Amino acid sequence: MKNLKKQDPKIYKIIQDEVKRQEEGLELIPSESVASKAVLEALGSVLNNKYSEGYPGRRYYGGQENIDKIETLAQERAKKIFNVPHANVQPYSGSPANLAVYVAVCRPGDVTMGQNLPDGGHLTHGWKASATSIFYKPVSYHVKPDGYLDLVEIAKLALEHKPRLIWVGATAYV
């Protein structure tokens, strides 16, 4: 980061402060897990100069040959690891990834269950501000006053509502 340090020392300092914060803390939010140095190197490479909309072999912009190779390799690795015939490796954050799951598993109008947002759940698990609450019928489960999941409530709600999908895990359940 010597070029950044020379070009913009204030931004460099802020980034170094964030590095220190991440190294000294324990992050329990999956979407904020620490990337390896190899991943950071790849993200900081010339690949970042490419806008790659579409799928391998069917991009909307030219010059995508190397991006296609990387994405195809990632797909093959994901298929092998999860022993599945297809893999989409494109979602870049929780919301698009969750939407991909909704579309793959549910139909509009299906009942879904997820942890209540104030209890640490994700916005896309049925909160009214999310478009998912328009297309699906969300049922929320909660945590008990001690902070643990209310497994009795979860089982009762699942038996009562028979959701097509139950979201397990949470954004801020730590």
N, C-alpha and C. Protein backbone atom coordinates (compact mmCIF):
# COMPACT_ATOMS: atom_id res chain seq x y z
N MET A 1 0.82 -1.19 0.00
CA MET A 1 0.00 0.00 0.00
C MET A 1 0.86 1.25 0.00
N LYS A 2 2.08 1.11 -0.46
CA LYS A 2 2.99 2.26 -0.46
C LYS A 2 2.49 3.39 -1.36
N ASN A 3 1.84 3.05 -2.48
CA ASN A 3 1.33 4.09 -3.36
C ASN A 3 0.20 4.87 -2.70
N LEU A 4 -0.70 4.17 -2.03
CA LEU A 4 -1.79 4.84 -1.33
C LEU A 4 -1.24 5.71 -0.21
N LYS A 5 -0.28 5.20 0.54
CA LYS A 5 0.31 5.96 1.64
C LYS A 5 0.89 7.28 1.14
N LYS A 6 1.51 7.23 -0.03
CA LYS A 6 2.11 8.44 -0.61
C LYS A 6 1.03 9.37 -1.18
N GLN A 7 0.07 8.80 -1.89
CA GLN A 7 -0.96 9.58 -2.57
C GLN A 7 -1.97 10.19 -1.61
N ASP A 8 -2.41 9.40 -0.61
CA ASP A 8 -3.45 9.87 0.31
C ASP A 8 -3.20 9.30 1.70
N PRO A 9 -2.31 9.95 2.45
CA PRO A 9 -1.95 9.42 3.77
C PRO A 9 -3.13 9.34 4.76
N LYS A 10 -4.12 10.18 4.60
CA LYS A 10 -5.26 10.13 5.52
C LYS A 10 -6.08 8.86 5.31
N ILE A 11 -6.37 8.54 4.05
CA ILE A 11 -7.09 7.30 3.76
C ILE A 11 -6.24 6.10 4.17
N TYR A 12 -4.96 6.13 3.89
CA TYR A 12 -4.05 5.06 4.29
C TYR A 12 -4.15 4.83 5.80
N LYS A 13 -4.12 5.90 6.59
CA LYS A 13 -4.18 5.80 8.05
C LYS A 13 -5.50 5.18 8.49
N ILE A 14 -6.59 5.60 7.87
CA ILE A 14 -7.90 5.05 8.23
C ILE A 14 -7.94 3.55 7.93
N ILE A 15 -7.40 3.16 6.80
CA ILE A 15 -7.36 1.73 6.45
C ILE A 15 -6.50 0.97 7.45
N GLN A 16 -5.38 1.52 7.85
CA GLN A 16 -4.53 0.86 8.84
C GLN A 16 -5.25 0.73 10.18
N ASP A 17 -6.03 1.75 10.54
CA ASP A 17 -6.83 1.66 11.77
C ASP A 17 -7.84 0.52 11.68
N GLU A 18 -8.44 0.34 10.49
CA GLU A 18 -9.41 -0.75 10.30
C GLU A 18 -8.71 -2.11 10.35
N VAL A 19 -7.52 -2.19 9.78
CA VAL A 19 -6.74 -3.44 9.86
C VAL A 19 -6.50 -3.80 11.32
N LYS A 20 -6.10 -2.82 12.11
CA LYS A 20 -5.84 -3.06 13.53
C LYS A 20 -7.12 -3.50 14.25
N ARG A 21 -8.24 -2.83 13.95
CA ARG A 21 -9.50 -3.19 14.58
C ARG A 21 -9.87 -4.63 14.27
N GLN A 22 -9.69 -5.03 13.02
CA GLN A 22 -10.04 -6.40 12.63
C GLN A 22 -9.09 -7.42 13.24
N GLU A 23 -7.83 -7.09 13.34
CA GLU A 23 -6.84 -8.02 13.91
C GLU A 23 -7.02 -8.20 15.40
N GLU A 24 -7.51 -7.17 16.08
CA GLU A 24 -7.62 -7.22 17.54
C GLU A 24 -9.01 -7.65 18.03
N GLY A 25 -9.96 -7.75 17.12
CA GLY A 25 -11.31 -8.11 17.52
C GLY A 25 -11.71 -9.46 16.96
N LEU A 26 -12.85 -9.94 17.41
CA LEU A 26 -13.42 -11.18 16.91
C LEU A 26 -14.77 -10.85 16.30
N GLU A 27 -14.86 -10.95 14.99
CA GLU A 27 -16.09 -10.62 14.28
C GLU A 27 -16.93 -11.87 14.12
N LEU A 28 -18.15 -11.83 14.62
CA LEU A 28 -19.02 -13.01 14.56
C LEU A 28 -20.15 -12.86 13.55
N ILE A 29 -20.09 -11.82 12.74
CA ILE A 29 -21.08 -11.64 11.68
C ILE A 29 -20.50 -12.25 10.42
N PRO A 30 -21.12 -13.30 9.87
CA PRO A 30 -20.52 -14.02 8.73
C PRO A 30 -20.16 -13.13 7.55
N SER A 31 -21.01 -12.15 7.24
CA SER A 31 -20.73 -11.31 6.08
C SER A 31 -19.56 -10.37 6.32
N GLU A 32 -19.05 -10.32 7.53
CA GLU A 32 -17.90 -9.48 7.84
C GLU A 32 -16.68 -10.31 8.25
N SER A 33 -16.66 -11.56 7.84
CA SER A 33 -15.51 -12.38 8.17
C SER A 33 -14.26 -11.83 7.47
N VAL A 34 -13.13 -12.13 8.02
CA VAL A 34 -11.87 -11.58 7.52
C VAL A 34 -11.42 -12.35 6.28
N ALA A 35 -11.15 -11.61 5.22
CA ALA A 35 -10.66 -12.22 3.98
C ALA A 35 -9.17 -12.52 4.12
N SER A 36 -8.75 -13.59 3.49
CA SER A 36 -7.33 -13.95 3.51
C SER A 36 -6.52 -12.94 2.70
N LYS A 37 -5.23 -12.92 2.92
CA LYS A 37 -4.36 -12.03 2.16
C LYS A 37 -4.43 -12.33 0.67
N ALA A 38 -4.57 -13.60 0.31
CA ALA A 38 -4.69 -13.97 -1.10
C ALA A 38 -5.95 -13.37 -1.72
N VAL A 39 -7.06 -13.41 -0.99
CA VAL A 39 -8.30 -12.82 -1.49
C VAL A 39 -8.15 -11.31 -1.62
N LEU A 40 -7.54 -10.67 -0.63
CA LEU A 40 -7.33 -9.22 -0.70
C LEU A 40 -6.45 -8.85 -1.89
N GLU A 41 -5.45 -9.67 -2.17
CA GLU A 41 -4.59 -9.41 -3.33
C GLU A 41 -5.40 -9.51 -4.62
N ALA A 42 -6.23 -10.53 -4.73
CA ALA A 42 -7.05 -10.68 -5.94
C ALA A 42 -8.02 -9.51 -6.09
N LEU A 43 -8.64 -9.10 -4.98
CA LEU A 43 -9.58 -7.98 -5.03
C LEU A 43 -8.90 -6.66 -5.36
N GLY A 44 -7.64 -6.54 -5.01
CA GLY A 44 -6.89 -5.32 -5.29
C GLY A 44 -6.14 -5.36 -6.61
N SER A 45 -6.41 -6.35 -7.42
CA SER A 45 -5.69 -6.52 -8.69
C SER A 45 -6.39 -5.77 -9.82
N VAL A 46 -5.85 -5.89 -11.02
CA VAL A 46 -6.43 -5.26 -12.20
C VAL A 46 -7.82 -5.82 -12.53
N LEU A 47 -8.17 -6.95 -11.94
CA LEU A 47 -9.51 -7.50 -12.15
C LEU A 47 -10.58 -6.52 -11.67
N ASN A 48 -10.21 -5.70 -10.72
CA ASN A 48 -11.14 -4.71 -10.18
C ASN A 48 -11.51 -3.65 -11.21
N ASN A 49 -10.76 -3.55 -12.30
CA ASN A 49 -11.04 -2.58 -13.35
C ASN A 49 -12.14 -3.04 -14.30
N LYS A 50 -12.58 -4.27 -14.17
CA LYS A 50 -13.56 -4.84 -15.09
C LYS A 50 -14.97 -4.80 -14.51
N TYR A 51 -15.90 -4.41 -15.35
CA TYR A 51 -17.32 -4.50 -15.03
C TYR A 51 -17.84 -5.73 -15.74
N SER A 52 -18.30 -6.70 -15.00
CA SER A 52 -18.60 -8.01 -15.59
C SER A 52 -20.05 -8.40 -15.40
N GLU A 53 -20.93 -7.72 -16.06
CA GLU A 53 -22.35 -8.04 -15.97
C GLU A 53 -22.67 -9.21 -16.90
N GLY A 54 -23.50 -10.12 -16.43
CA GLY A 54 -23.86 -11.29 -17.23
C GLY A 54 -23.16 -12.53 -16.71
N TYR A 55 -23.15 -13.57 -17.54
CA TYR A 55 -22.57 -14.85 -17.17
C TYR A 55 -21.42 -15.20 -18.11
N PRO A 56 -20.54 -16.12 -17.69
CA PRO A 56 -19.41 -16.50 -18.56
C PRO A 56 -19.88 -16.85 -19.98
N GLY A 57 -19.20 -16.25 -20.93
CA GLY A 57 -19.53 -16.48 -22.33
C GLY A 57 -20.71 -15.66 -22.83
N ARG A 58 -21.40 -14.98 -21.91
CA ARG A 58 -22.57 -14.18 -22.28
C ARG A 58 -22.55 -12.84 -21.56
N ARG A 59 -21.43 -12.14 -21.64
CA ARG A 59 -21.29 -10.84 -20.97
C ARG A 59 -21.81 -9.73 -21.87
N TYR A 60 -22.06 -8.60 -21.25
CA TYR A 60 -22.55 -7.45 -21.99
C TYR A 60 -21.42 -6.54 -22.47
N TYR A 61 -20.21 -6.80 -22.02
CA TYR A 61 -19.05 -6.00 -22.40
C TYR A 61 -17.96 -6.92 -22.90
N GLY A 62 -17.10 -6.40 -23.76
CA GLY A 62 -15.99 -7.19 -24.28
C GLY A 62 -14.85 -7.28 -23.29
N GLY A 63 -13.85 -8.06 -23.65
CA GLY A 63 -12.65 -8.18 -22.83
C GLY A 63 -12.86 -8.95 -21.54
N GLN A 64 -13.79 -9.90 -21.54
CA GLN A 64 -14.14 -10.62 -20.33
C GLN A 64 -13.54 -12.02 -20.25
N GLU A 65 -12.63 -12.35 -21.15
CA GLU A 65 -12.13 -13.72 -21.23
C GLU A 65 -11.54 -14.20 -19.91
N ASN A 66 -10.74 -13.38 -19.26
CA ASN A 66 -10.10 -13.81 -18.01
C ASN A 66 -11.09 -13.82 -16.85
N ILE A 67 -12.02 -12.90 -16.84
CA ILE A 67 -13.08 -12.91 -15.83
C ILE A 67 -13.90 -14.20 -15.98
N ASP A 68 -14.22 -14.56 -17.23
CA ASP A 68 -14.96 -15.79 -17.48
C ASP A 68 -14.21 -17.01 -16.95
N LYS A 69 -12.90 -17.05 -17.16
CA LYS A 69 -12.09 -18.18 -16.68
C LYS A 69 -12.15 -18.28 -15.16
N ILE A 70 -12.04 -17.14 -14.49
CA ILE A 70 -12.06 -17.14 -13.03
C ILE A 70 -13.43 -17.56 -12.51
N GLU A 71 -14.48 -17.01 -13.09
CA GLU A 71 -15.82 -17.36 -12.62
C GLU A 71 -16.14 -18.83 -12.89
N THR A 72 -15.74 -19.33 -14.04
CA THR A 72 -15.97 -20.74 -14.36
C THR A 72 -15.20 -21.64 -13.39
N LEU A 73 -13.97 -21.28 -13.06
CA LEU A 73 -13.19 -22.04 -12.09
C LEU A 73 -13.87 -22.02 -10.73
N ALA A 74 -14.37 -20.86 -10.31
CA ALA A 74 -15.08 -20.77 -9.03
C ALA A 74 -16.33 -21.64 -9.04
N GLN A 75 -17.06 -21.64 -10.15
CA GLN A 75 -18.25 -22.49 -10.26
C GLN A 75 -17.88 -23.96 -10.14
N GLU A 76 -16.85 -24.38 -10.85
CA GLU A 76 -16.43 -25.78 -10.80
C GLU A 76 -16.02 -26.18 -9.38
N ARG A 77 -15.30 -25.29 -8.71
CA ARG A 77 -14.88 -25.59 -7.33
C ARG A 77 -16.08 -25.69 -6.41
N ALA A 78 -17.04 -24.77 -6.54
CA ALA A 78 -18.23 -24.81 -5.69
C ALA A 78 -19.05 -26.07 -5.95
N LYS A 79 -19.19 -26.45 -7.21
CA LYS A 79 -19.94 -27.67 -7.54
C LYS A 79 -19.28 -28.89 -6.92
N LYS A 80 -17.95 -28.94 -6.97
CA LYS A 80 -17.23 -30.08 -6.41
C LYS A 80 -17.36 -30.12 -4.88
N ILE A 81 -17.17 -28.98 -4.24
CA ILE A 81 -17.24 -28.91 -2.78
C ILE A 81 -18.61 -29.33 -2.27
N PHE A 82 -19.67 -28.82 -2.92
CA PHE A 82 -21.03 -29.07 -2.45
C PHE A 82 -21.71 -30.24 -3.16
N ASN A 83 -20.98 -30.88 -4.08
CA ASN A 83 -21.50 -32.04 -4.81
C ASN A 83 -22.87 -31.73 -5.43
N VAL A 84 -22.90 -30.64 -6.20
CA VAL A 84 -24.12 -30.21 -6.88
C VAL A 84 -23.85 -30.03 -8.37
N PRO A 85 -24.89 -30.11 -9.20
CA PRO A 85 -24.68 -29.98 -10.65
C PRO A 85 -24.51 -28.54 -11.13
N HIS A 86 -24.98 -27.56 -10.35
CA HIS A 86 -24.90 -26.15 -10.76
C HIS A 86 -24.48 -25.29 -9.58
N ALA A 87 -23.82 -24.18 -9.86
CA ALA A 87 -23.46 -23.22 -8.82
C ALA A 87 -23.40 -21.83 -9.42
N ASN A 88 -24.00 -20.88 -8.72
CA ASN A 88 -23.90 -19.48 -9.09
C ASN A 88 -23.04 -18.82 -8.04
N VAL A 89 -21.91 -18.28 -8.43
CA VAL A 89 -20.96 -17.70 -7.49
C VAL A 89 -20.99 -16.18 -7.52
N GLN A 90 -21.99 -15.59 -8.15
CA GLN A 90 -22.01 -14.15 -8.33
C GLN A 90 -22.51 -13.31 -7.16
N PRO A 91 -23.44 -13.74 -6.33
CA PRO A 91 -23.93 -12.83 -5.30
C PRO A 91 -22.80 -12.25 -4.46
N TYR A 92 -22.86 -10.98 -4.24
CA TYR A 92 -21.76 -10.27 -3.60
C TYR A 92 -22.09 -9.78 -2.21
N SER A 93 -23.32 -9.96 -1.75
CA SER A 93 -23.67 -9.58 -0.39
C SER A 93 -24.87 -10.40 0.04
N GLY A 94 -25.26 -10.22 1.29
CA GLY A 94 -26.34 -11.02 1.84
C GLY A 94 -27.65 -10.90 1.11
N SER A 95 -28.06 -9.69 0.76
CA SER A 95 -29.37 -9.51 0.13
C SER A 95 -29.48 -10.23 -1.22
N PRO A 96 -28.55 -10.02 -2.17
CA PRO A 96 -28.68 -10.75 -3.43
C PRO A 96 -28.53 -12.26 -3.25
N ALA A 97 -27.68 -12.67 -2.33
CA ALA A 97 -27.52 -14.10 -2.09
C ALA A 97 -28.81 -14.69 -1.54
N ASN A 98 -29.43 -13.99 -0.60
CA ASN A 98 -30.69 -14.47 -0.05
C ASN A 98 -31.79 -14.49 -1.11
N LEU A 99 -31.82 -13.48 -1.97
CA LEU A 99 -32.82 -13.47 -3.04
C LEU A 99 -32.64 -14.67 -3.97
N ALA A 100 -31.39 -15.03 -4.24
CA ALA A 100 -31.13 -16.20 -5.08
C ALA A 100 -31.71 -17.46 -4.43
N VAL A 101 -31.60 -17.56 -3.11
CA VAL A 101 -32.17 -18.71 -2.40
C VAL A 101 -33.69 -18.69 -2.48
N TYR A 102 -34.28 -17.52 -2.23
CA TYR A 102 -35.75 -17.41 -2.34
C TYR A 102 -36.23 -17.88 -3.71
N VAL A 103 -35.63 -17.37 -4.77
CA VAL A 103 -36.07 -17.69 -6.12
C VAL A 103 -35.88 -19.17 -6.43
N ALA A 104 -34.80 -19.76 -5.91
CA ALA A 104 -34.52 -21.17 -6.17
C ALA A 104 -35.45 -22.11 -5.40
N VAL A 105 -35.85 -21.71 -4.20
CA VAL A 105 -36.57 -22.62 -3.31
C VAL A 105 -38.07 -22.33 -3.22
N CYS A 106 -38.45 -21.07 -3.31
CA CYS A 106 -39.83 -20.68 -3.04
C CYS A 106 -40.56 -20.17 -4.29
N ARG A 107 -41.87 -20.11 -4.14
CA ARG A 107 -42.72 -19.46 -5.14
C ARG A 107 -43.38 -18.26 -4.46
N PRO A 108 -43.74 -17.24 -5.22
CA PRO A 108 -44.44 -16.11 -4.60
C PRO A 108 -45.65 -16.59 -3.80
N GLY A 109 -45.79 -16.05 -2.61
CA GLY A 109 -46.88 -16.44 -1.73
C GLY A 109 -46.52 -17.52 -0.73
N ASP A 110 -45.37 -18.17 -0.90
CA ASP A 110 -44.95 -19.20 0.05
C ASP A 110 -44.65 -18.58 1.42
N VAL A 111 -44.91 -19.36 2.45
CA VAL A 111 -44.57 -18.95 3.82
C VAL A 111 -43.09 -19.23 4.06
N THR A 112 -42.43 -18.26 4.68
CA THR A 112 -41.02 -18.42 5.07
C THR A 112 -40.88 -18.03 6.53
N MET A 113 -39.83 -18.52 7.16
CA MET A 113 -39.55 -18.15 8.55
C MET A 113 -38.13 -17.64 8.65
N GLY A 114 -37.96 -16.61 9.48
CA GLY A 114 -36.63 -16.09 9.74
C GLY A 114 -36.60 -15.37 11.07
N GLN A 115 -35.41 -15.15 11.57
CA GLN A 115 -35.26 -14.47 12.84
C GLN A 115 -35.69 -13.02 12.72
N ASN A 116 -36.44 -12.54 13.70
CA ASN A 116 -36.92 -11.16 13.73
C ASN A 116 -35.73 -10.19 13.66
N LEU A 117 -35.85 -9.15 12.85
CA LEU A 117 -34.75 -8.21 12.66
C LEU A 117 -34.23 -7.61 13.97
N PRO A 118 -35.10 -7.10 14.86
CA PRO A 118 -34.57 -6.55 16.12
C PRO A 118 -33.87 -7.59 17.00
N ASP A 119 -34.13 -8.87 16.75
CA ASP A 119 -33.47 -9.93 17.50
C ASP A 119 -32.17 -10.38 16.84
N GLY A 120 -31.78 -9.71 15.76
CA GLY A 120 -30.53 -10.04 15.09
C GLY A 120 -30.70 -10.65 13.72
N GLY A 121 -31.92 -10.77 13.23
CA GLY A 121 -32.16 -11.35 11.92
C GLY A 121 -31.75 -10.42 10.78
N HIS A 122 -31.91 -10.90 9.56
CA HIS A 122 -31.54 -10.12 8.37
C HIS A 122 -32.77 -9.45 7.79
N LEU A 123 -32.59 -8.29 7.23
CA LEU A 123 -33.65 -7.51 6.61
C LEU A 123 -34.46 -8.33 5.61
N THR A 124 -33.80 -9.19 4.86
CA THR A 124 -34.47 -9.96 3.81
C THR A 124 -35.25 -11.16 4.33
N HIS A 125 -35.21 -11.40 5.60
CA HIS A 125 -35.92 -12.56 6.15
C HIS A 125 -37.36 -12.22 6.52
N GLY A 126 -37.91 -11.18 5.87
CA GLY A 126 -39.32 -10.88 6.04
C GLY A 126 -39.65 -9.52 6.61
N TRP A 127 -38.66 -8.69 6.87
CA TRP A 127 -38.93 -7.37 7.41
C TRP A 127 -39.69 -6.55 6.36
N LYS A 128 -40.63 -5.72 6.81
CA LYS A 128 -41.51 -5.00 5.89
C LYS A 128 -40.78 -4.08 4.91
N ALA A 129 -39.61 -3.60 5.27
CA ALA A 129 -38.85 -2.71 4.38
C ALA A 129 -38.23 -3.46 3.21
N SER A 130 -38.22 -4.77 3.27
CA SER A 130 -37.62 -5.59 2.22
C SER A 130 -38.68 -6.07 1.23
N ALA A 131 -38.32 -6.08 -0.04
CA ALA A 131 -39.24 -6.56 -1.08
C ALA A 131 -39.65 -8.01 -0.85
N THR A 132 -38.83 -8.76 -0.12
CA THR A 132 -39.18 -10.16 0.10
C THR A 132 -40.50 -10.30 0.86
N SER A 133 -40.84 -9.30 1.68
CA SER A 133 -42.11 -9.37 2.43
C SER A 133 -43.31 -9.16 1.52
N ILE A 134 -43.09 -8.61 0.33
CA ILE A 134 -44.18 -8.43 -0.64
C ILE A 134 -44.48 -9.74 -1.35
N PHE A 135 -43.42 -10.49 -1.67
CA PHE A 135 -43.58 -11.70 -2.48
C PHE A 135 -43.79 -12.97 -1.66
N TYR A 136 -43.38 -12.95 -0.40
CA TYR A 136 -43.50 -14.13 0.44
C TYR A 136 -44.23 -13.76 1.72
N LYS A 137 -44.71 -14.77 2.43
CA LYS A 137 -45.43 -14.54 3.68
C LYS A 137 -44.50 -14.86 4.84
N PRO A 138 -43.86 -13.84 5.40
CA PRO A 138 -42.87 -14.08 6.45
C PRO A 138 -43.49 -14.34 7.82
N VAL A 139 -42.87 -15.23 8.54
CA VAL A 139 -43.19 -15.49 9.94
C VAL A 139 -41.87 -15.34 10.69
N SER A 140 -41.88 -14.51 11.73
CA SER A 140 -40.63 -14.24 12.47
C SER A 140 -40.56 -15.04 13.75
N TYR A 141 -39.36 -15.51 14.06
CA TYR A 141 -39.11 -16.11 15.37
C TYR A 141 -38.17 -15.20 16.14
N HIS A 142 -38.04 -15.45 17.44
CA HIS A 142 -37.36 -14.49 18.32
C HIS A 142 -36.29 -15.16 19.18
N VAL A 143 -35.60 -14.30 19.90
CA VAL A 143 -34.68 -14.78 20.93
C VAL A 143 -35.35 -14.54 22.28
N LYS A 144 -34.96 -15.34 23.25
CA LYS A 144 -35.48 -15.20 24.61
C LYS A 144 -34.77 -14.03 25.30
N PRO A 145 -35.26 -13.59 26.44
CA PRO A 145 -34.60 -12.49 27.15
C PRO A 145 -33.13 -12.75 27.46
N ASP A 146 -32.75 -14.03 27.56
CA ASP A 146 -31.34 -14.34 27.83
C ASP A 146 -30.48 -14.29 26.57
N GLY A 147 -31.10 -14.00 25.42
CA GLY A 147 -30.35 -13.86 24.18
C GLY A 147 -30.26 -15.12 23.33
N TYR A 148 -30.74 -16.24 23.85
CA TYR A 148 -30.69 -17.48 23.09
C TYR A 148 -31.95 -17.63 22.23
N LEU A 149 -31.82 -18.37 21.14
CA LEU A 149 -32.97 -18.63 20.29
C LEU A 149 -34.06 -19.35 21.08
N ASP A 150 -35.30 -18.97 20.84
CA ASP A 150 -36.44 -19.61 21.49
C ASP A 150 -36.84 -20.82 20.66
N LEU A 151 -36.19 -21.94 20.91
CA LEU A 151 -36.41 -23.15 20.11
C LEU A 151 -37.83 -23.69 20.22
N VAL A 152 -38.46 -23.50 21.37
CA VAL A 152 -39.84 -23.95 21.53
C VAL A 152 -40.75 -23.13 20.61
N GLU A 153 -40.55 -21.81 20.59
CA GLU A 153 -41.34 -20.95 19.71
C GLU A 153 -41.08 -21.29 18.24
N ILE A 154 -39.83 -21.51 17.89
CA ILE A 154 -39.48 -21.83 16.50
C ILE A 154 -40.18 -23.11 16.05
N ALA A 155 -40.14 -24.14 16.88
CA ALA A 155 -40.80 -25.41 16.53
C ALA A 155 -42.31 -25.22 16.40
N LYS A 156 -42.90 -24.49 17.34
CA LYS A 156 -44.34 -24.25 17.32
C LYS A 156 -44.74 -23.50 16.05
N LEU A 157 -44.01 -22.43 15.71
CA LEU A 157 -44.32 -21.65 14.51
C LEU A 157 -44.14 -22.48 13.24
N ALA A 158 -43.11 -23.29 13.21
CA ALA A 158 -42.86 -24.12 12.02
C ALA A 158 -43.98 -25.13 11.82
N LEU A 159 -44.44 -25.76 12.90
CA LEU A 159 -45.53 -26.72 12.79
C LEU A 159 -46.85 -26.04 12.41
N GLU A 160 -47.05 -24.85 12.95
CA GLU A 160 -48.30 -24.12 12.68
C GLU A 160 -48.36 -23.56 11.25
N HIS A 161 -47.26 -22.97 10.79
CA HIS A 161 -47.27 -22.26 9.50
C HIS A 161 -46.72 -23.08 8.33
N LYS A 162 -46.00 -24.15 8.63
CA LYS A 162 -45.42 -25.02 7.60
C LYS A 162 -44.68 -24.23 6.51
N PRO A 163 -43.64 -23.51 6.90
CA PRO A 163 -42.92 -22.69 5.92
C PRO A 163 -42.19 -23.53 4.88
N ARG A 164 -42.09 -23.00 3.70
CA ARG A 164 -41.33 -23.63 2.62
C ARG A 164 -39.84 -23.50 2.90
N LEU A 165 -39.46 -22.42 3.59
CA LEU A 165 -38.05 -22.12 3.86
C LEU A 165 -37.92 -21.57 5.27
N ILE A 166 -36.95 -22.07 6.01
CA ILE A 166 -36.63 -21.52 7.33
C ILE A 166 -35.20 -21.00 7.27
N TRP A 167 -35.06 -19.71 7.48
CA TRP A 167 -33.72 -19.10 7.52
C TRP A 167 -33.11 -19.38 8.89
N VAL A 168 -31.91 -19.92 8.88
CA VAL A 168 -31.20 -20.22 10.12
C VAL A 168 -29.92 -19.41 10.11
N GLY A 169 -29.64 -18.78 11.21
CA GLY A 169 -28.50 -17.89 11.26
C GLY A 169 -29.02 -16.47 11.25
N ALA A 170 -28.16 -15.56 11.56
CA ALA A 170 -28.61 -14.18 11.69
C ALA A 170 -27.50 -13.21 11.35
N THR A 171 -27.90 -12.01 11.07
CA THR A 171 -26.94 -10.96 10.73
C THR A 171 -26.21 -10.49 11.97
N ALA A 172 -26.95 -10.23 13.03
CA ALA A 172 -26.33 -9.65 14.21
C ALA A 172 -26.57 -10.48 15.46
N TYR A 173 -26.81 -11.76 15.30
CA TYR A 173 -27.04 -12.63 16.45
C TYR A 173 -25.68 -13.08 16.96
N VAL A 174 -25.16 -12.34 17.92
CA VAL A 174 -23.83 -12.65 18.45
C VAL A 174 -23.86 -12.79 19.95
